């Protein structure tokens, strides 16, 4: 059985995928930012799956200190992670920026997965078959470095699309540097019936199950054990080409250099 971390697992496709994995008997590590909601989700999943191996951790993924605290807590209680699913995402929010002045979408959708993967890297290395699943999107747009730094204010849609491309660019680079792991970026499906989509658009095209199903398969199916550094487009139901910038080494180098400066600044 695998030890699987899923961020943003108190709602939507993260919660549904967690239940599917729990039903298989995996050791599932849930994440949320609301204590009561997380507690309720843990008891629901335990009850519905009959699996007691459900752990949970609280973190505000827009806050670097909170992320580091979660990394320390997971590392203190687990010796390995087989699968890390960076699922948590934000589109609309009451605040445009986090306390460090960075756009909330870049913070949660890109910086948080970057930090979590880096922080849990030693635990992933302890797995025989480590996988990292990063939640991209059909919405991908060229990254403004000024916006990344919080110096340029974007619309919610633009910030979201840029944060998802940043995540995809980094995913490809990370995959190249760590060929002993499987790193996959995935568009789980456009306009799935989730809270985030309803808040953003007020409508949906497909059920949330469609997204949960592909996360489940990407996490454990043998079909994907040689799919390192690829982009799965669940609108098409197959691997596809991401935005051109995700293959532009010069742009990737600049993005990662600026990311390190921002996070270590």
C-alpha atoms as a PDB file:
ATOM      1  CA  UNK A   1       0.000   0.000   0.000  1.00  0.00           C
ATOM      2  CA  UNK A   2       1.193   3.490  -0.816  1.00  0.00           C
ATOM      3  CA  UNK A   3       1.503   6.595   1.349  1.00  0.00           C
ATOM      4  CA  UNK A   4      -0.199   9.389  -0.580  1.00  0.00           C
ATOM      5  CA  UNK A   5      -0.348  13.113   0.239  1.00  0.00           C
ATOM      6  CA  UNK A   6      -3.165  15.138  -1.336  1.00  0.00           C
ATOM      7  CA  UNK A   7      -3.355  18.893  -0.781  1.00  0.00           C
ATOM      8  CA  UNK A   8      -6.735  20.585  -0.870  1.00  0.00           C
ATOM      9  CA  UNK A   9      -8.543  17.400   0.090  1.00  0.00           C
ATOM     10  CA  UNK A  10     -11.533  18.754   2.037  1.00  0.00           C
ATOM     11  CA  UNK A  11     -13.411  19.678  -1.156  1.00  0.00           C
ATOM     12  CA  UNK A  12     -13.960  18.827  -4.788  1.00  0.00           C
ATOM     13  CA  UNK A  13     -11.766  16.428  -6.712  1.00  0.00           C
ATOM     14  CA  UNK A  14      -9.165  16.248  -3.921  1.00  0.00           C
ATOM     15  CA  UNK A  15     -11.741  14.873  -1.487  1.00  0.00           C
ATOM     16  CA  UNK A  16     -13.225  12.452  -4.044  1.00  0.00           C
ATOM     17  CA  UNK A  17      -9.784  11.164  -5.089  1.00  0.00           C
ATOM     18  CA  UNK A  18      -8.818  10.742  -1.413  1.00  0.00           C
ATOM     19  CA  UNK A  19     -11.873   8.545  -0.838  1.00  0.00           C
ATOM     20  CA  UNK A  20     -11.090   6.395  -3.895  1.00  0.00           C
ATOM     21  CA  UNK A  21      -7.517   5.873  -2.703  1.00  0.00           C
ATOM     22  CA  UNK A  22      -8.647   5.201   0.888  1.00  0.00           C
ATOM     23  CA  UNK A  23     -11.053   2.522  -0.355  1.00  0.00           C
ATOM     24  CA  UNK A  24      -8.051   0.740  -1.888  1.00  0.00           C
ATOM     25  CA  UNK A  25      -6.423   0.661   1.548  1.00  0.00           C
ATOM     26  CA  UNK A  26      -3.697   3.238   0.925  1.00  0.00           C
ATOM     27  CA  UNK A  27      -2.316   5.399   3.731  1.00  0.00           C
ATOM     28  CA  UNK A  28      -3.845   8.742   2.719  1.00  0.00           C
ATOM     29  CA  UNK A  29      -2.562  12.037   4.109  1.00  0.00           C
ATOM     30  CA  UNK A  30      -5.160  14.794   3.803  1.00  0.00           C
ATOM     31  CA  UNK A  31      -4.488  18.517   3.883  1.00  0.00           C
ATOM     32  CA  UNK A  32      -6.824  21.431   4.539  1.00  0.00           C
ATOM     33  CA  UNK A  33      -6.701  24.933   5.981  1.00  0.00           C
ATOM     34  CA  UNK A  34      -9.831  24.755   8.140  1.00  0.00           C
ATOM     35  CA  UNK A  35      -9.483  22.621  11.285  1.00  0.00           C
ATOM     36  CA  UNK A  36     -13.157  21.671  11.616  1.00  0.00           C
ATOM     37  CA  UNK A  37     -13.614  20.932   7.927  1.00  0.00           C
ATOM     38  CA  UNK A  38     -10.494  18.762   7.872  1.00  0.00           C
ATOM     39  CA  UNK A  39     -11.598  16.839  10.980  1.00  0.00           C
ATOM     40  CA  UNK A  40     -15.024  16.227   9.391  1.00  0.00           C
ATOM     41  CA  UNK A  41     -13.440  15.050   6.118  1.00  0.00           C
ATOM     42  CA  UNK A  42     -11.143  12.610   7.944  1.00  0.00           C
ATOM     43  CA  UNK A  43     -14.058  10.995   9.794  1.00  0.00           C
ATOM     44  CA  UNK A  44     -16.190  10.835   6.610  1.00  0.00           C
ATOM     45  CA  UNK A  45     -13.413   9.159   4.622  1.00  0.00           C
ATOM     46  CA  UNK A  46     -12.616   6.701   7.415  1.00  0.00           C
ATOM     47  CA  UNK A  47     -16.301   5.792   7.705  1.00  0.00           C
ATOM     48  CA  UNK A  48     -16.985   5.492   3.969  1.00  0.00           C
ATOM     49  CA  UNK A  49     -13.773   3.593   3.161  1.00  0.00           C
ATOM     50  CA  UNK A  50     -13.396   1.447   6.268  1.00  0.00           C
ATOM     51  CA  UNK A  51      -9.749   2.563   6.264  1.00  0.00           C
ATOM     52  CA  UNK A  52      -8.279   3.926   9.505  1.00  0.00           C
ATOM     53  CA  UNK A  53      -4.937   4.876   7.873  1.00  0.00           C
ATOM     54  CA  UNK A  54      -6.013   8.460   7.259  1.00  0.00           C
ATOM     55  CA  UNK A  55      -3.812  11.261   8.607  1.00  0.00           C
ATOM     56  CA  UNK A  56      -4.299  14.987   8.237  1.00  0.00           C
ATOM     57  CA  UNK A  57      -2.320  18.227   8.424  1.00  0.00           C
ATOM     58  CA  UNK A  58      -3.377  21.860   8.548  1.00  0.00           C
ATOM     59  CA  UNK A  59      -1.646  24.510   6.454  1.00  0.00           C
ATOM     60  CA  UNK A  60      -2.466  27.819   4.804  1.00  0.00           C
ATOM     61  CA  UNK A  61      -0.796  27.303   1.423  1.00  0.00           C
ATOM     62  CA  UNK A  62      -0.594  31.049   0.816  1.00  0.00           C
ATOM     63  CA  UNK A  63       1.744  31.331   3.829  1.00  0.00           C
ATOM     64  CA  UNK A  64       5.351  30.110   3.466  1.00  0.00           C
ATOM     65  CA  UNK A  65       5.783  29.613   7.237  1.00  0.00           C
ATOM     66  CA  UNK A  66       2.622  27.520   7.400  1.00  0.00           C
ATOM     67  CA  UNK A  67       3.860  25.360   4.506  1.00  0.00           C
ATOM     68  CA  UNK A  68       7.232  24.827   6.217  1.00  0.00           C
ATOM     69  CA  UNK A  69       5.434  23.835   9.431  1.00  0.00           C
ATOM     70  CA  UNK A  70       3.396  21.224   7.547  1.00  0.00           C
ATOM     71  CA  UNK A  71       6.545  19.846   5.877  1.00  0.00           C
ATOM     72  CA  UNK A  72       8.210  19.511   9.306  1.00  0.00           C
ATOM     73  CA  UNK A  73       5.152  17.771  10.786  1.00  0.00           C
ATOM     74  CA  UNK A  74       4.801  15.289   7.904  1.00  0.00           C
ATOM     75  CA  UNK A  75       8.561  14.590   7.984  1.00  0.00           C
ATOM     76  CA  UNK A  76       8.433  13.947  11.739  1.00  0.00           C
ATOM     77  CA  UNK A  77       5.683  11.336  11.442  1.00  0.00           C
ATOM     78  CA  UNK A  78       6.408   9.629   8.106  1.00  0.00           C
ATOM     79  CA  UNK A  79       9.555   8.019   6.715  1.00  0.00           C
ATOM     80  CA  UNK A  80       8.446   8.010   3.082  1.00  0.00           C
ATOM     81  CA  UNK A  81       5.897   9.370   0.641  1.00  0.00           C
ATOM     82  CA  UNK A  82       5.067   7.397  -2.488  1.00  0.00           C
ATOM     83  CA  UNK A  83       2.792   9.938  -4.143  1.00  0.00           C
ATOM     84  CA  UNK A  84       2.450  13.707  -3.698  1.00  0.00           C
ATOM     85  CA  UNK A  85      -0.631  15.190  -5.376  1.00  0.00           C
ATOM     86  CA  UNK A  86      -0.371  18.992  -5.452  1.00  0.00           C
ATOM     87  CA  UNK A  87      -4.101  19.489  -5.922  1.00  0.00           C
ATOM     88  CA  UNK A  88      -4.971  22.595  -3.864  1.00  0.00           C
ATOM     89  CA  UNK A  89      -5.760  25.619  -5.996  1.00  0.00           C
ATOM     90  CA  UNK A  90      -7.376  29.023  -5.822  1.00  0.00           C
ATOM     91  CA  UNK A  91      -9.088  31.204  -8.426  1.00  0.00           C
ATOM     92  CA  UNK A  92     -11.310  33.718  -6.626  1.00  0.00           C
ATOM     93  CA  UNK A  93     -10.379  35.028  -3.188  1.00  0.00           C
ATOM     94  CA  UNK A  94     -11.339  37.872  -0.876  1.00  0.00           C
ATOM     95  CA  UNK A  95      -7.692  38.973  -0.725  1.00  0.00           C
ATOM     96  CA  UNK A  96      -5.687  39.527  -3.910  1.00  0.00           C
ATOM     97  CA  UNK A  97      -2.312  39.034  -2.207  1.00  0.00           C
ATOM     98  CA  UNK A  98      -0.801  37.087   0.666  1.00  0.00           C
ATOM     99  CA  UNK A  99       0.917  38.753   3.640  1.00  0.00           C
ATOM    100  CA  UNK A 100       4.197  38.912   1.686  1.00  0.00           C
ATOM    101  CA  UNK A 101       2.579  40.911  -1.121  1.00  0.00           C
ATOM    102  CA  UNK A 102       2.493  38.021  -3.604  1.00  0.00           C
ATOM    103  CA  UNK A 103      -0.581  37.279  -5.718  1.00  0.00           C
ATOM    104  CA  UNK A 104      -2.685  34.624  -3.995  1.00  0.00           C
ATOM    105  CA  UNK A 105      -2.999  32.496  -7.147  1.00  0.00           C
ATOM    106  CA  UNK A 106       0.764  32.368  -7.670  1.00  0.00           C
ATOM    107  CA  UNK A 107       1.198  31.635  -3.940  1.00  0.00           C
ATOM    108  CA  UNK A 108      -1.201  28.688  -3.710  1.00  0.00           C
ATOM    109  CA  UNK A 109      -1.107  27.317  -7.271  1.00  0.00           C
ATOM    110  CA  UNK A 110       2.637  27.531  -7.885  1.00  0.00           C
ATOM    111  CA  UNK A 111       4.843  28.508  -4.931  1.00  0.00           C
ATOM    112  CA  UNK A 112       3.125  26.067  -2.534  1.00  0.00           C
ATOM    113  CA  UNK A 113       3.601  22.955  -4.748  1.00  0.00           C
ATOM    114  CA  UNK A 114       7.184  24.070  -5.426  1.00  0.00           C
ATOM    115  CA  UNK A 115       7.937  24.358  -1.684  1.00  0.00           C
ATOM    116  CA  UNK A 116       6.044  21.203  -0.681  1.00  0.00           C
ATOM    117  CA  UNK A 117       7.820  19.088  -3.295  1.00  0.00           C
ATOM    118  CA  UNK A 118      11.199  20.493  -2.296  1.00  0.00           C
ATOM    119  CA  UNK A 119      10.468  19.995   1.402  1.00  0.00           C
ATOM    120  CA  UNK A 120       9.146  16.452   1.009  1.00  0.00           C
ATOM    121  CA  UNK A 121      11.820  15.456  -1.505  1.00  0.00           C
ATOM    122  CA  UNK A 122      13.781  13.329   1.029  1.00  0.00           C
ATOM    123  CA  UNK A 123      10.581  11.383   1.834  1.00  0.00           C
ATOM    124  CA  UNK A 124       9.818  10.888  -1.855  1.00  0.00           C
ATOM    125  CA  UNK A 125      13.380   9.629  -2.393  1.00  0.00           C
ATOM    126  CA  UNK A 126      12.679   6.911   0.182  1.00  0.00           C
ATOM    127  CA  UNK A 127       9.936   5.465  -2.025  1.00  0.00           C
ATOM    128  CA  UNK A 128      10.746   2.804  -4.607  1.00  0.00           C
ATOM    129  CA  UNK A 129       8.244   4.316  -7.050  1.00  0.00           C
ATOM    130  CA  UNK A 130       7.754   8.020  -6.232  1.00  0.00           C
ATOM    131  CA  UNK A 131       5.213  10.051  -8.168  1.00  0.00           C
ATOM    132  CA  UNK A 132       4.381  13.758  -8.148  1.00  0.00           C
ATOM    133  CA  UNK A 133       1.109  14.866  -9.707  1.00  0.00           C
ATOM    134  CA  UNK A 134       0.797  18.623 -10.281  1.00  0.00           C
ATOM    135  CA  UNK A 135      -2.614  20.115 -11.016  1.00  0.00           C
ATOM    136  CA  UNK A 136      -2.302  22.279 -14.094  1.00  0.00           C
ATOM    137  CA  UNK A 137      -5.190  23.596 -16.190  1.00  0.00           C
ATOM    138  CA  UNK A 138      -6.362  24.142 -19.753  1.00  0.00           C
ATOM    139  CA  UNK A 139      -5.910  27.819 -18.839  1.00  0.00           C
ATOM    140  CA  UNK A 140      -2.203  28.542 -19.345  1.00  0.00           C
ATOM    141  CA  UNK A 141      -0.772  31.945 -20.117  1.00  0.00           C
ATOM    142  CA  UNK A 142       2.786  33.348 -20.439  1.00  0.00           C
ATOM    143  CA  UNK A 143       4.188  34.289 -17.042  1.00  0.00           C
ATOM    144  CA  UNK A 144       4.893  37.927 -16.257  1.00  0.00           C
ATOM    145  CA  UNK A 145       7.902  37.963 -13.909  1.00  0.00           C
ATOM    146  CA  UNK A 146       6.681  41.271 -12.463  1.00  0.00           C
ATOM    147  CA  UNK A 147       3.345  39.637 -11.621  1.00  0.00           C
ATOM    148  CA  UNK A 148       5.205  36.656 -10.128  1.00  0.00           C
ATOM    149  CA  UNK A 149       7.009  39.121  -7.820  1.00  0.00           C
ATOM    150  CA  UNK A 150       3.717  40.805  -6.880  1.00  0.00           C
ATOM    151  CA  UNK A 151       4.738  44.019  -8.678  1.00  0.00           C
ATOM    152  CA  UNK A 152       2.047  43.816 -11.374  1.00  0.00           C
ATOM    153  CA  UNK A 153      -1.639  43.356 -10.569  1.00  0.00           C
ATOM    154  CA  UNK A 154      -3.457  40.952 -12.879  1.00  0.00           C
ATOM    155  CA  UNK A 155      -7.100  39.961 -13.241  1.00  0.00           C
ATOM    156  CA  UNK A 156      -8.046  36.752 -11.403  1.00  0.00           C
ATOM    157  CA  UNK A 157      -8.289  34.885 -14.712  1.00  0.00           C
ATOM    158  CA  UNK A 158      -4.844  36.023 -15.902  1.00  0.00           C
ATOM    159  CA  UNK A 159      -3.153  35.355 -12.556  1.00  0.00           C
ATOM    160  CA  UNK A 160      -4.724  31.887 -12.467  1.00  0.00           C
ATOM    161  CA  UNK A 161      -3.660  31.024 -16.030  1.00  0.00           C
ATOM    162  CA  UNK A 162      -0.110  32.322 -15.440  1.00  0.00           C
ATOM    163  CA  UNK A 163       0.228  30.437 -12.142  1.00  0.00           C
ATOM    164  CA  UNK A 164      -0.838  27.201 -13.845  1.00  0.00           C
ATOM    165  CA  UNK A 165       1.686  27.652 -16.650  1.00  0.00           C
ATOM    166  CA  UNK A 166       4.416  28.425 -14.077  1.00  0.00           C
ATOM    167  CA  UNK A 167       3.543  25.132 -12.354  1.00  0.00           C
ATOM    168  CA  UNK A 168       3.703  23.251 -15.659  1.00  0.00           C
ATOM    169  CA  UNK A 169       7.050  24.812 -16.650  1.00  0.00           C
ATOM    170  CA  UNK A 170       8.552  23.890 -13.289  1.00  0.00           C
ATOM    171  CA  UNK A 171       7.030  20.359 -13.480  1.00  0.00           C
ATOM    172  CA  UNK A 172       8.828  19.684 -16.769  1.00  0.00           C
ATOM    173  CA  UNK A 173      12.113  21.044 -15.429  1.00  0.00           C
ATOM    174  CA  UNK A 174      11.815  19.055 -12.195  1.00  0.00           C
ATOM    175  CA  UNK A 175      11.023  15.896 -14.195  1.00  0.00           C
ATOM    176  CA  UNK A 176      14.137  16.380 -16.296  1.00  0.00           C
ATOM    177  CA  UNK A 177      16.318  16.810 -13.195  1.00  0.00           C
ATOM    178  CA  UNK A 178      14.746  13.856 -11.359  1.00  0.00           C
ATOM    179  CA  UNK A 179      14.343  11.076 -13.894  1.00  0.00           C
ATOM    180  CA  UNK A 180      14.144   8.473 -11.104  1.00  0.00           C
ATOM    181  CA  UNK A 181      10.699   9.868 -10.182  1.00  0.00           C
ATOM    182  CA  UNK A 182       7.503  10.227 -12.176  1.00  0.00           C
ATOM    183  CA  UNK A 183       6.338  13.843 -12.382  1.00  0.00           C
ATOM    184  CA  UNK A 184       3.170  14.559 -14.354  1.00  0.00           C
ATOM    185  CA  UNK A 185       1.292  17.836 -14.874  1.00  0.00           C
ATOM    186  CA  UNK A 186      -2.425  17.326 -15.440  1.00  0.00           C
ATOM    187  CA  UNK A 187      -5.400  19.355 -16.570  1.00  0.00           C
ATOM    188  CA  UNK A 188      -8.055  17.404 -14.639  1.00  0.00           C
ATOM    189  CA  UNK A 189     -10.797  18.701 -16.933  1.00  0.00           C
ATOM    190  CA  UNK A 190     -12.304  22.068 -17.736  1.00  0.00           C
ATOM    191  CA  UNK A 191     -15.191  23.469 -15.680  1.00  0.00           C
ATOM    192  CA  UNK A 192     -15.666  20.481 -13.399  1.00  0.00           C
ATOM    193  CA  UNK A 193     -18.479  20.693 -10.866  1.00  0.00           C
ATOM    194  CA  UNK A 194     -16.385  21.926  -7.928  1.00  0.00           C
ATOM    195  CA  UNK A 195     -16.737  24.771  -5.436  1.00  0.00           C
ATOM    196  CA  UNK A 196     -13.844  26.673  -7.044  1.00  0.00           C
ATOM    197  CA  UNK A 197     -15.377  26.477 -10.536  1.00  0.00           C
ATOM    198  CA  UNK A 198     -18.862  27.423  -9.299  1.00  0.00           C
ATOM    199  CA  UNK A 199     -17.439  30.479  -7.487  1.00  0.00           C
ATOM    200  CA  UNK A 200     -15.433  31.491 -10.560  1.00  0.00           C
ATOM    201  CA  UNK A 201     -17.900  30.792 -13.379  1.00  0.00           C
ATOM    202  CA  UNK A 202     -21.262  29.849 -11.869  1.00  0.00           C
ATOM    203  CA  UNK A 203     -21.549  26.863 -14.215  1.00  0.00           C
ATOM    204  CA  UNK A 204     -19.889  23.531 -15.020  1.00  0.00           C
ATOM    205  CA  UNK A 205     -19.394  21.164 -17.969  1.00  0.00           C
ATOM    206  CA  UNK A 206     -18.496  17.882 -16.286  1.00  0.00           C
ATOM    207  CA  UNK A 207     -18.842  16.132 -12.934  1.00  0.00           C
ATOM    208  CA  UNK A 208     -16.091  16.390 -10.338  1.00  0.00           C
ATOM    209  CA  UNK A 209     -15.733  12.588 -10.596  1.00  0.00           C
ATOM    210  CA  UNK A 210     -14.042  13.040 -13.967  1.00  0.00           C
ATOM    211  CA  UNK A 211     -11.181  14.933 -12.282  1.00  0.00           C
ATOM    212  CA  UNK A 212     -11.029  12.604  -9.274  1.00  0.00           C
ATOM    213  CA  UNK A 213     -10.807   9.549 -11.540  1.00  0.00           C
ATOM    214  CA  UNK A 214      -7.766  10.853 -13.420  1.00  0.00           C
ATOM    215  CA  UNK A 215      -5.991  11.841 -10.167  1.00  0.00           C
ATOM    216  CA  UNK A 216      -6.605   8.337  -8.835  1.00  0.00           C
ATOM    217  CA  UNK A 217      -5.245   6.719 -12.018  1.00  0.00           C
ATOM    218  CA  UNK A 218      -2.213   9.015 -12.253  1.00  0.00           C
ATOM    219  CA  UNK A 219      -1.386   8.244  -8.621  1.00  0.00           C
ATOM    220  CA  UNK A 220      -1.485   4.448  -8.742  1.00  0.00           C
ATOM    221  CA  UNK A 221      -2.019   3.007 -12.224  1.00  0.00           C
ATOM    222  CA  UNK A 222       0.853   1.063 -13.799  1.00  0.00           C
ATOM    223  CA  UNK A 223      -0.102   2.708 -17.088  1.00  0.00           C
ATOM    224  CA  UNK A 224       1.725   5.869 -15.998  1.00  0.00           C
ATOM    225  CA  UNK A 225       4.915   4.391 -14.577  1.00  0.00           C
ATOM    226  CA  UNK A 226       6.974   5.623 -17.565  1.00  0.00           C
ATOM    227  CA  UNK A 227       5.203   8.977 -18.069  1.00  0.00           C
ATOM    228  CA  UNK A 228       7.757  11.277 -16.462  1.00  0.00           C
ATOM    229  CA  UNK A 229       7.747  14.898 -17.640  1.00  0.00           C
ATOM    230  CA  UNK A 230       4.456  14.749 -19.522  1.00  0.00           C
ATOM    231  CA  UNK A 231       1.236  16.770 -19.563  1.00  0.00           C
ATOM    232  CA  UNK A 232      -2.033  14.853 -19.342  1.00  0.00           C
ATOM    233  CA  UNK A 233      -5.006  16.711 -20.775  1.00  0.00           C
ATOM    234  CA  UNK A 234      -8.167  15.190 -19.334  1.00  0.00           C
ATOM    235  CA  UNK A 235     -10.331  17.228 -21.714  1.00  0.00           C
ATOM    236  CA  UNK A 236      -8.830  15.002 -24.414  1.00  0.00           C
ATOM    237  CA  UNK A 237      -8.361  11.953 -22.189  1.00  0.00           C
ATOM    238  CA  UNK A 238      -4.737  11.627 -23.279  1.00  0.00           C
ATOM    239  CA  UNK A 239      -1.254  13.131 -23.086  1.00  0.00           C
ATOM    240  CA  UNK A 240      -1.096  16.373 -25.005  1.00  0.00           C
ATOM    241  CA  UNK A 241       1.119  19.381 -25.611  1.00  0.00           C
ATOM    242  CA  UNK A 242       1.134  22.092 -22.970  1.00  0.00           C
ATOM    243  CA  UNK A 243       1.692  25.814 -23.680  1.00  0.00           C
ATOM    244  CA  UNK A 244       4.795  26.513 -25.824  1.00  0.00           C
ATOM    245  CA  UNK A 245       6.536  28.272 -22.906  1.00  0.00           C
ATOM    246  CA  UNK A 246       6.614  24.975 -20.981  1.00  0.00           C
ATOM    247  CA  UNK A 247       9.237  23.769 -23.501  1.00  0.00           C
ATOM    248  CA  UNK A 248      11.234  27.016 -23.655  1.00  0.00           C
ATOM    249  CA  UNK A 249      14.390  26.358 -21.619  1.00  0.00           C
ATOM    250  CA  UNK A 250      15.359  30.036 -21.463  1.00  0.00           C
ATOM    251  CA  UNK A 251      11.985  31.057 -20.022  1.00  0.00           C
ATOM    252  CA  UNK A 252      12.053  28.130 -17.587  1.00  0.00           C
ATOM    253  CA  UNK A 253      15.533  29.141 -16.365  1.00  0.00           C
ATOM    254  CA  UNK A 254      14.396  32.734 -15.747  1.00  0.00           C
ATOM    255  CA  UNK A 255      11.220  31.551 -13.983  1.00  0.00           C
ATOM    256  CA  UNK A 256      13.094  29.216 -11.640  1.00  0.00           C
ATOM    257  CA  UNK A 257      15.842  31.735 -10.909  1.00  0.00           C
ATOM    258  CA  UNK A 258      13.247  34.398  -9.987  1.00  0.00           C
ATOM    259  CA  UNK A 259      11.246  31.842  -7.975  1.00  0.00           C
ATOM    260  CA  UNK A 260      14.296  31.056  -5.824  1.00  0.00           C
ATOM    261  CA  UNK A 261      14.978  34.790  -5.300  1.00  0.00           C
ATOM    262  CA  UNK A 262      11.372  35.413  -4.216  1.00  0.00           C
ATOM    263  CA  UNK A 263      11.208  32.429  -1.848  1.00  0.00           C
ATOM    264  CA  UNK A 264      14.609  33.079  -0.315  1.00  0.00           C
ATOM    265  CA  UNK A 265      14.339  36.856  -0.267  1.00  0.00           C
END
